[in-house]
C-alpha atoms as a PDB file:
ATOM      1  CA  UNK A   1     -62.582-108.220-113.541  1.00  0.00           C
ATOM      2  CA  UNK A   2     -64.769-108.262-116.683  1.00  0.00           C
ATOM      3  CA  UNK A   3     -67.916-106.221-117.150  1.00  0.00           C
ATOM      4  CA  UNK A   4     -71.030-107.859-115.677  1.00  0.00           C
ATOM      5  CA  UNK A   5     -72.870-107.326-118.957  1.00  0.00           C
ATOM      6  CA  UNK A   6     -72.592-109.675-121.956  1.00  0.00           C
ATOM      7  CA  UNK A   7     -72.329-106.896-124.544  1.00  0.00           C
ATOM      8  CA  UNK A   8     -72.097-103.139-124.256  1.00  0.00           C
ATOM      9  CA  UNK A   9     -72.030-101.954-120.644  1.00  0.00           C
ATOM     10  CA  UNK A  10     -74.725 -99.239-120.321  1.00  0.00           C
ATOM     11  CA  UNK A  11     -72.912 -97.747-117.321  1.00  0.00           C
ATOM     12  CA  UNK A  12     -69.978 -96.729-119.527  1.00  0.00           C
ATOM     13  CA  UNK A  13     -72.063 -94.191-121.445  1.00  0.00           C
ATOM     14  CA  UNK A  14     -71.952 -91.540-118.714  1.00  0.00           C
ATOM     15  CA  UNK A  15     -68.915 -89.675-117.440  1.00  0.00           C
ATOM     16  CA  UNK A  16     -66.521 -92.568-118.156  1.00  0.00           C
ATOM     17  CA  UNK A  17     -67.228 -92.756-121.887  1.00  0.00           C
ATOM     18  CA  UNK A  18     -64.583 -90.349-123.206  1.00  0.00           C
ATOM     19  CA  UNK A  19     -61.821 -92.280-121.450  1.00  0.00           C
ATOM     20  CA  UNK A  20     -63.302 -95.548-122.688  1.00  0.00           C
ATOM     21  CA  UNK A  21     -63.702 -94.078-126.192  1.00  0.00           C
ATOM     22  CA  UNK A  22     -60.017 -93.210-126.545  1.00  0.00           C
ATOM     23  CA  UNK A  23     -58.897 -96.590-125.199  1.00  0.00           C
ATOM     24  CA  UNK A  24     -61.381 -98.521-127.343  1.00  0.00           C
ATOM     25  CA  UNK A  25     -60.307 -96.751-130.520  1.00  0.00           C
ATOM     26  CA  UNK A  26     -56.655 -97.519-129.785  1.00  0.00           C
ATOM     27  CA  UNK A  27     -57.488-101.170-128.989  1.00  0.00           C
ATOM     28  CA  UNK A  28     -59.361-101.587-132.278  1.00  0.00           C
ATOM     29  CA  UNK A  29     -56.289-100.302-134.132  1.00  0.00           C
ATOM     30  CA  UNK A  30     -54.063-102.710-132.174  1.00  0.00           C
ATOM     31  CA  UNK A  31     -56.407-105.610-132.890  1.00  0.00           C
ATOM     32  CA  UNK A  32     -56.459-104.902-136.614  1.00  0.00           C
ATOM     33  CA  UNK A  33     -52.746-104.135-137.103  1.00  0.00           C
ATOM     34  CA  UNK A  34     -51.406-107.737-137.324  1.00  0.00           C
ATOM     35  CA  UNK A  35     -54.245-108.746-139.654  1.00  0.00           C
ATOM     36  CA  UNK A  36     -53.485-105.869-142.015  1.00  0.00           C
ATOM     37  CA  UNK A  37     -49.737-106.362-142.342  1.00  0.00           C
ATOM     38  CA  UNK A  38     -47.830-105.951-144.568  1.00  0.00           C
ATOM     39  CA  UNK A  39     -50.066-104.215-147.091  1.00  0.00           C
ATOM     40  CA  UNK A  40     -51.981-101.890-144.762  1.00  0.00           C
ATOM     41  CA  UNK A  41     -51.558 -99.756-141.641  1.00  0.00           C
ATOM     42  CA  UNK A  42     -54.154 -98.926-138.987  1.00  0.00           C
ATOM     43  CA  UNK A  43     -53.320 -95.438-137.695  1.00  0.00           C
ATOM     44  CA  UNK A  44     -55.129 -93.419-135.049  1.00  0.00           C
ATOM     45  CA  UNK A  45     -55.910 -89.827-136.008  1.00  0.00           C
ATOM     46  CA  UNK A  46     -56.855 -87.204-133.423  1.00  0.00           C
ATOM     47  CA  UNK A  47     -58.716 -83.968-134.006  1.00  0.00           C
ATOM     48  CA  UNK A  48     -60.331 -81.455-131.657  1.00  0.00           C
ATOM     49  CA  UNK A  49     -63.930 -80.329-131.985  1.00  0.00           C
ATOM     50  CA  UNK A  50     -65.186 -77.074-130.473  1.00  0.00           C
ATOM     51  CA  UNK A  51     -68.494 -77.657-128.717  1.00  0.00           C
ATOM     52  CA  UNK A  52     -70.542 -75.011-126.947  1.00  0.00           C
ATOM     53  CA  UNK A  53     -71.582 -76.306-123.552  1.00  0.00           C
ATOM     54  CA  UNK A  54     -75.045 -74.932-122.667  1.00  0.00           C
ATOM     55  CA  UNK A  55     -75.803 -73.318-119.334  1.00  0.00           C
ATOM     56  CA  UNK A  56     -77.399 -75.639-116.797  1.00  0.00           C
ATOM     57  CA  UNK A  57     -79.074 -72.800-114.876  1.00  0.00           C
ATOM     58  CA  UNK A  58     -82.371 -73.010-116.737  1.00  0.00           C
ATOM     59  CA  UNK A  59     -82.998 -69.275-116.179  1.00  0.00           C
ATOM     60  CA  UNK A  60     -84.398 -67.078-118.936  1.00  0.00           C
ATOM     61  CA  UNK A  61     -82.303 -64.139-120.064  1.00  0.00           C
ATOM     62  CA  UNK A  62     -85.450 -62.047-120.430  1.00  0.00           C
ATOM     63  CA  UNK A  63     -86.843 -60.169-117.360  1.00  0.00           C
ATOM     64  CA  UNK A  64     -90.485 -60.314-116.356  1.00  0.00           C
ATOM     65  CA  UNK A  65     -92.172 -57.051-117.324  1.00  0.00           C
ATOM     66  CA  UNK A  66     -95.449 -55.690-115.930  1.00  0.00           C
ATOM     67  CA  UNK A  67     -97.323 -52.432-116.636  1.00  0.00           C
ATOM     68  CA  UNK A  68     -98.459 -50.251-113.692  1.00  0.00           C
ATOM     69  CA  UNK A  69    -100.779 -47.279-114.059  1.00  0.00           C
ATOM     70  CA  UNK A  70    -100.093 -44.249-111.864  1.00  0.00           C
ATOM     71  CA  UNK A  71    -101.713 -40.859-112.249  1.00  0.00           C
ATOM     72  CA  UNK A  72    -102.889 -41.757-115.733  1.00  0.00           C
ATOM     73  CA  UNK A  73     -99.383 -42.502-116.972  1.00  0.00           C
ATOM     74  CA  UNK A  74     -98.350 -46.012-118.002  1.00  0.00           C
ATOM     75  CA  UNK A  75     -95.001 -46.958-116.507  1.00  0.00           C
ATOM     76  CA  UNK A  76     -92.915 -50.078-116.980  1.00  0.00           C
ATOM     77  CA  UNK A  77     -92.221 -51.964-113.792  1.00  0.00           C
ATOM     78  CA  UNK A  78     -89.738 -54.820-113.530  1.00  0.00           C
ATOM     79  CA  UNK A  79     -91.314 -57.634-111.537  1.00  0.00           C
ATOM     80  CA  UNK A  80     -88.317 -59.941-111.740  1.00  0.00           C
ATOM     81  CA  UNK A  81     -85.319 -59.963-109.393  1.00  0.00           C
ATOM     82  CA  UNK A  82     -83.097 -56.903-109.329  1.00  0.00           C
ATOM     83  CA  UNK A  83     -79.578 -56.635-107.936  1.00  0.00           C
ATOM     84  CA  UNK A  84     -77.279 -53.767-106.998  1.00  0.00           C
ATOM     85  CA  UNK A  85     -74.269 -55.863-108.006  1.00  0.00           C
ATOM     86  CA  UNK A  86     -73.864 -58.092-111.089  1.00  0.00           C
ATOM     87  CA  UNK A  87     -75.151 -61.642-110.869  1.00  0.00           C
ATOM     88  CA  UNK A  88     -72.654 -64.445-111.363  1.00  0.00           C
ATOM     89  CA  UNK A  89     -74.200 -67.097-113.593  1.00  0.00           C
ATOM     90  CA  UNK A  90     -73.027 -70.018-115.674  1.00  0.00           C
ATOM     91  CA  UNK A  91     -72.656 -69.045-119.319  1.00  0.00           C
ATOM     92  CA  UNK A  92     -72.412 -71.099-122.496  1.00  0.00           C
ATOM     93  CA  UNK A  93     -68.701 -71.710-123.034  1.00  0.00           C
ATOM     94  CA  UNK A  94     -66.883 -73.264-125.979  1.00  0.00           C
ATOM     95  CA  UNK A  95     -64.972 -76.410-125.080  1.00  0.00           C
ATOM     96  CA  UNK A  96     -62.318 -78.255-127.060  1.00  0.00           C
ATOM     97  CA  UNK A  97     -63.208 -81.956-127.173  1.00  0.00           C
ATOM     98  CA  UNK A  98     -60.635 -84.460-128.529  1.00  0.00           C
ATOM     99  CA  UNK A  99     -61.795 -87.127-130.975  1.00  0.00           C
ATOM    100  CA  UNK A 100     -59.794 -90.158-132.071  1.00  0.00           C
ATOM    101  CA  UNK A 101     -60.608 -92.168-135.191  1.00  0.00           C
ATOM    102  CA  UNK A 102     -58.824 -94.893-137.164  1.00  0.00           C
ATOM    103  CA  UNK A 103     -57.521 -94.537-140.697  1.00  0.00           C
ATOM    104  CA  UNK A 104     -56.503 -97.636-142.620  1.00  0.00           C
ATOM    105  CA  UNK A 105     -54.021 -96.775-145.366  1.00  0.00           C
ATOM    106  CA  UNK A 106     -52.107 -98.890-147.834  1.00  0.00           C
ATOM    107  CA  UNK A 107     -48.376 -98.911-147.211  1.00  0.00           C
ATOM    108  CA  UNK A 108     -47.428 -98.505-150.875  1.00  0.00           C
ATOM    109  CA  UNK A 109     -49.105 -95.159-151.590  1.00  0.00           C
ATOM    110  CA  UNK A 110     -50.539 -94.119-148.185  1.00  0.00           C
ATOM    111  CA  UNK A 111     -54.017 -93.990-149.730  1.00  0.00           C
ATOM    112  CA  UNK A 112     -56.917 -93.686-147.314  1.00  0.00           C
ATOM    113  CA  UNK A 113     -58.752 -97.002-147.613  1.00  0.00           C
ATOM    114  CA  UNK A 114     -61.126 -97.187-144.631  1.00  0.00           C
ATOM    115  CA  UNK A 115     -62.180 -94.826-141.835  1.00  0.00           C
ATOM    116  CA  UNK A 116     -63.420 -96.306-138.545  1.00  0.00           C
ATOM    117  CA  UNK A 117     -65.329 -93.986-136.221  1.00  0.00           C
ATOM    118  CA  UNK A 118     -66.336 -94.886-132.661  1.00  0.00           C
ATOM    119  CA  UNK A 119     -68.971 -92.239-132.027  1.00  0.00           C
ATOM    120  CA  UNK A 120     -68.815 -90.010-128.965  1.00  0.00           C
ATOM    121  CA  UNK A 121     -71.593 -87.844-127.476  1.00  0.00           C
ATOM    122  CA  UNK A 122     -70.205 -84.782-129.251  1.00  0.00           C
ATOM    123  CA  UNK A 123     -70.628 -86.506-132.634  1.00  0.00           C
ATOM    124  CA  UNK A 124     -74.342 -86.827-131.904  1.00  0.00           C
ATOM    125  CA  UNK A 125     -75.344 -83.342-130.724  1.00  0.00           C
ATOM    126  CA  UNK A 126     -74.922 -79.611-131.349  1.00  0.00           C
ATOM    127  CA  UNK A 127     -71.824 -78.110-132.948  1.00  0.00           C
ATOM    128  CA  UNK A 128     -69.927 -81.399-132.746  1.00  0.00           C
ATOM    129  CA  UNK A 129     -72.576 -83.152-134.809  1.00  0.00           C
ATOM    130  CA  UNK A 130     -72.348 -80.455-137.487  1.00  0.00           C
ATOM    131  CA  UNK A 131     -68.572 -80.934-137.623  1.00  0.00           C
ATOM    132  CA  UNK A 132     -68.876 -84.724-137.719  1.00  0.00           C
ATOM    133  CA  UNK A 133     -71.486 -84.723-140.482  1.00  0.00           C
ATOM    134  CA  UNK A 134     -69.207 -82.508-142.590  1.00  0.00           C
ATOM    135  CA  UNK A 135     -66.305 -84.947-142.111  1.00  0.00           C
ATOM    136  CA  UNK A 136     -68.634 -87.870-142.771  1.00  0.00           C
ATOM    137  CA  UNK A 137     -69.784 -86.322-146.036  1.00  0.00           C
ATOM    138  CA  UNK A 138     -66.187 -85.906-147.200  1.00  0.00           C
ATOM    139  CA  UNK A 139     -65.519 -89.595-146.571  1.00  0.00           C
ATOM    140  CA  UNK A 140     -68.737 -90.697-148.293  1.00  0.00           C
ATOM    141  CA  UNK A 141     -67.855 -88.634-151.368  1.00  0.00           C
ATOM    142  CA  UNK A 142     -64.393 -90.239-151.519  1.00  0.00           C
ATOM    143  CA  UNK A 143     -63.252 -93.733-152.472  1.00  0.00           C
ATOM    144  CA  UNK A 144     -62.778 -94.740-148.822  1.00  0.00           C
ATOM    145  CA  UNK A 145     -65.025 -97.094-146.865  1.00  0.00           C
ATOM    146  CA  UNK A 146     -66.652 -95.850-143.641  1.00  0.00           C
ATOM    147  CA  UNK A 147     -67.353 -98.009-140.571  1.00  0.00           C
ATOM    148  CA  UNK A 148     -69.326 -96.233-137.818  1.00  0.00           C
ATOM    149  CA  UNK A 149     -69.671 -97.806-134.359  1.00  0.00           C
ATOM    150  CA  UNK A 150     -72.403 -96.243-132.228  1.00  0.00           C
ATOM    151  CA  UNK A 151     -72.417 -97.655-128.691  1.00  0.00           C
ATOM    152  CA  UNK A 152     -74.335 -94.715-127.232  1.00  0.00           C
ATOM    153  CA  UNK A 153     -78.069 -94.690-126.604  1.00  0.00           C
ATOM    154  CA  UNK A 154     -78.339 -90.908-126.339  1.00  0.00           C
ATOM    155  CA  UNK A 155     -78.095 -88.400-129.196  1.00  0.00           C
ATOM    156  CA  UNK A 156     -79.010 -88.407-132.862  1.00  0.00           C
ATOM    157  CA  UNK A 157     -78.189 -91.369-135.076  1.00  0.00           C
ATOM    158  CA  UNK A 158     -76.256 -91.075-138.330  1.00  0.00           C
ATOM    159  CA  UNK A 159     -78.440 -89.936-141.268  1.00  0.00           C
ATOM    160  CA  UNK A 160     -80.158 -92.764-143.121  1.00  0.00           C
ATOM    161  CA  UNK A 161     -82.413 -92.968-146.159  1.00  0.00           C
ATOM    162  CA  UNK A 162     -84.983 -94.936-144.181  1.00  0.00           C
ATOM    163  CA  UNK A 163     -85.751 -95.357-140.463  1.00  0.00           C
ATOM    164  CA  UNK A 164     -83.442 -97.531-138.421  1.00  0.00           C
ATOM    165  CA  UNK A 165     -84.960-100.396-136.418  1.00  0.00           C
ATOM    166  CA  UNK A 166     -85.502 -99.952-132.699  1.00  0.00           C
ATOM    167  CA  UNK A 167     -82.211-100.846-131.001  1.00  0.00           C
ATOM    168  CA  UNK A 168     -79.904 -99.194-128.460  1.00  0.00           C
ATOM    169  CA  UNK A 169     -76.682 -99.662-130.446  1.00  0.00           C
ATOM    170  CA  UNK A 170     -75.687 -99.804-134.104  1.00  0.00           C
ATOM    171  CA  UNK A 171     -72.801-100.493-136.429  1.00  0.00           C
ATOM    172  CA  UNK A 172     -73.112 -99.030-139.938  1.00  0.00           C
ATOM    173  CA  UNK A 173     -70.759 -99.988-142.778  1.00  0.00           C
ATOM    174  CA  UNK A 174     -70.696 -97.950-145.987  1.00  0.00           C
ATOM    175  CA  UNK A 175     -68.641 -99.730-148.633  1.00  0.00           C
ATOM    176  CA  UNK A 176     -67.398 -97.334-151.289  1.00  0.00           C
ATOM    177  CA  UNK A 177     -68.494 -99.545-154.184  1.00  0.00           C
ATOM    178  CA  UNK A 178     -72.027-100.154-152.848  1.00  0.00           C
ATOM    179  CA  UNK A 179     -73.180 -96.653-151.893  1.00  0.00           C
ATOM    180  CA  UNK A 180     -75.837 -95.571-151.142  1.00  0.00           C
ATOM    181  CA  UNK A 181     -76.622 -99.081-149.840  1.00  0.00           C
ATOM    182  CA  UNK A 182     -75.118 -99.678-146.400  1.00  0.00           C
ATOM    183  CA  UNK A 183     -74.870-102.652-144.058  1.00  0.00           C
ATOM    184  CA  UNK A 184     -76.452-102.137-140.621  1.00  0.00           C
ATOM    185  CA  UNK A 185     -76.035-104.187-137.438  1.00  0.00           C
ATOM    186  CA  UNK A 186     -78.713-103.345-134.840  1.00  0.00           C
ATOM    187  CA  UNK A 187     -77.428-104.501-131.442  1.00  0.00           C
ATOM    188  CA  UNK A 188     -79.655-105.333-128.480  1.00  0.00           C
ATOM    189  CA  UNK A 189     -78.529-104.474-124.974  1.00  0.00           C
ATOM    190  CA  UNK A 190     -78.457-108.099-123.790  1.00  0.00           C
ATOM    191  CA  UNK A 191     -76.281-109.654-126.505  1.00  0.00           C
ATOM    192  CA  UNK A 192     -72.595-109.828-127.306  1.00  0.00           C
ATOM    193  CA  UNK A 193     -71.209-107.127-129.582  1.00  0.00           C
ATOM    194  CA  UNK A 194     -70.735-108.500-133.104  1.00  0.00           C
ATOM    195  CA  UNK A 195     -67.720-109.381-135.195  1.00  0.00           C
ATOM    196  CA  UNK A 196     -67.936-107.003-138.163  1.00  0.00           C
ATOM    197  CA  UNK A 197     -66.022-106.904-141.456  1.00  0.00           C
ATOM    198  CA  UNK A 198     -63.504-104.192-142.259  1.00  0.00           C
ATOM    199  CA  UNK A 199     -63.281-103.751-146.061  1.00  0.00           C
ATOM    200  CA  UNK A 200     -60.034-103.016-147.874  1.00  0.00           C
ATOM    201  CA  UNK A 201     -58.993-102.378-151.479  1.00  0.00           C
ATOM    202  CA  UNK A 202     -60.642-104.337-154.324  1.00  0.00           C
ATOM    203  CA  UNK A 203     -59.231-107.857-154.543  1.00  0.00           C
ATOM    204  CA  UNK A 204     -58.422-108.087-150.818  1.00  0.00           C
ATOM    205  CA  UNK A 205     -60.662-109.913-148.359  1.00  0.00           C
ATOM    206  CA  UNK A 206     -62.329-108.132-145.451  1.00  0.00           C
ATOM    207  CA  UNK A 207     -60.617-108.476-142.083  1.00  0.00           C
ATOM    208  CA  UNK A 208     -62.762-109.299-139.018  1.00  0.00           C
ATOM    209  CA  UNK A 209     -63.114-106.871-136.134  1.00  0.00           C
ATOM    210  CA  UNK A 210     -64.294-108.410-132.859  1.00  0.00           C
ATOM    211  CA  UNK A 211     -65.913-105.475-131.063  1.00  0.00           C
ATOM    212  CA  UNK A 212     -66.681-107.434-127.907  1.00  0.00           C
ATOM    213  CA  UNK A 213     -63.091-108.607-127.578  1.00  0.00           C
ATOM    214  CA  UNK A 214     -61.881-105.020-127.980  1.00  0.00           C
ATOM    215  CA  UNK A 215     -64.298-103.633-125.381  1.00  0.00           C
ATOM    216  CA  UNK A 216     -63.566-106.437-122.906  1.00  0.00           C
ATOM    217  CA  UNK A 217     -59.814-105.862-123.246  1.00  0.00           C
ATOM    218  CA  UNK A 218     -60.221-102.152-122.542  1.00  0.00           C
ATOM    219  CA  UNK A 219     -62.553-102.729-119.588  1.00  0.00           C
ATOM    220  CA  UNK A 220     -60.087-105.137-117.974  1.00  0.00           C
ATOM    221  CA  UNK A 221     -56.934-103.162-118.771  1.00  0.00           C
ATOM    222  CA  UNK A 222     -58.263 -99.844-117.464  1.00  0.00           C
ATOM    223  CA  UNK A 223     -60.007-101.369-114.459  1.00  0.00           C
ATOM    224  CA  UNK A 224     -63.428 -99.977-115.268  1.00  0.00           C
ATOM    225  CA  UNK A 225     -64.993-102.150-112.568  1.00  0.00           C
ATOM    226  CA  UNK A 226     -63.298 -99.852-110.038  1.00  0.00           C
ATOM    227  CA  UNK A 227     -64.426 -96.658-111.788  1.00  0.00           C
ATOM    228  CA  UNK A 228     -68.100 -97.384-112.430  1.00  0.00           C
ATOM    229  CA  UNK A 229     -70.789 -97.037-109.764  1.00  0.00           C
ATOM    230  CA  UNK A 230     -73.093 -99.988-110.379  1.00  0.00           C
ATOM    231  CA  UNK A 231     -75.248 -99.112-107.381  1.00  0.00           C
ATOM    232  CA  UNK A 232     -76.694 -96.098-109.169  1.00  0.00           C
ATOM    233  CA  UNK A 233     -78.545 -95.817-112.472  1.00  0.00           C
ATOM    234  CA  UNK A 234     -76.853 -95.511-115.870  1.00  0.00           C
ATOM    235  CA  UNK A 235     -76.970 -92.243-117.807  1.00  0.00           C
ATOM    236  CA  UNK A 236     -79.187 -91.948-119.766  1.00  0.00           C
ATOM    237  CA  UNK A 237     -81.676 -94.098-117.833  1.00  0.00           C
ATOM    238  CA  UNK A 238     -82.744 -97.444-119.246  1.00  0.00           C
ATOM    239  CA  UNK A 239     -86.280 -98.369-120.217  1.00  0.00           C
ATOM    240  CA  UNK A 240     -88.283-100.195-117.543  1.00  0.00           C
ATOM    241  CA  UNK A 241     -87.712-103.548-119.235  1.00  0.00           C
ATOM    242  CA  UNK A 242     -83.978-102.976-119.742  1.00  0.00           C
ATOM    243  CA  UNK A 243     -83.615-101.630-116.195  1.00  0.00           C
ATOM    244  CA  UNK A 244     -85.220-104.774-114.762  1.00  0.00           C
ATOM    245  CA  UNK A 245     -82.885-106.942-116.859  1.00  0.00           C
ATOM    246  CA  UNK A 246     -79.868-104.863-115.771  1.00  0.00           C
ATOM    247  CA  UNK A 247     -80.794-105.173-112.096  1.00  0.00           C
ATOM    248  CA  UNK A 248     -81.097-108.943-112.494  1.00  0.00           C
ATOM    249  CA  UNK A 249     -77.677-109.147-114.173  1.00  0.00           C
ATOM    250  CA  UNK A 250     -76.007-107.063-111.469  1.00  0.00           C
ATOM    251  CA  UNK A 251     -77.699-109.029-108.686  1.00  0.00           C
ATOM    252  CA  UNK A 252     -76.438-112.253-110.241  1.00  0.00           C
ATOM    253  CA  UNK A 253     -72.900-110.882-110.246  1.00  0.00           C
ATOM    254  CA  UNK A 254     -73.120-109.725-106.632  1.00  0.00           C
END
């Protein structure tokens, strides 16, 4: 069963995104492969990023301290909770998060021609963002093109020289020969994902990448309709206007 939404499904951004991310990246490579033959290959490349997961306890590590006066002597009194045995609390732990991207290389010399990144939450926050920006800088300083697909509403966007328009999703294409000018596709929540160009070596035409076809294939193949709870609210929550539209779409689909 297809997604009830015409474009990006906002319910995929929560706990199901990492599974969807890996499948979507692989599907994009599969979609491009026959259009690239025989001169190019679309290869998936996996790396692991170490991200520190913050504690969800919300408790301060600093005790409350008060000053009590007794017999003319100032004494420090701890007003916070005390325990005879150690407390067991959730700490901030490093976590290895897998990331899959696509590298298009020419078959003659195995040169890196284009990098395609489907952004994950870790690319857009904390330590993972630092790691991603370092990788991104290496690509931008090379002769390779960079296509970034951001289907996540939460987190920080990729750095730009001027403010991006107000939109929930973006595709950004940096062609090696046109930097620092980039092509940007702002994508509204209620429209189909676009067909975007994938640039190759000079003299070769771009190949089209149908993002909606790729996402729809993954949604159907994995059976996301069985995994997503459409009775709840998406994470992060939608704006009031988008939430009303979403409720109308879901009601129409039963």
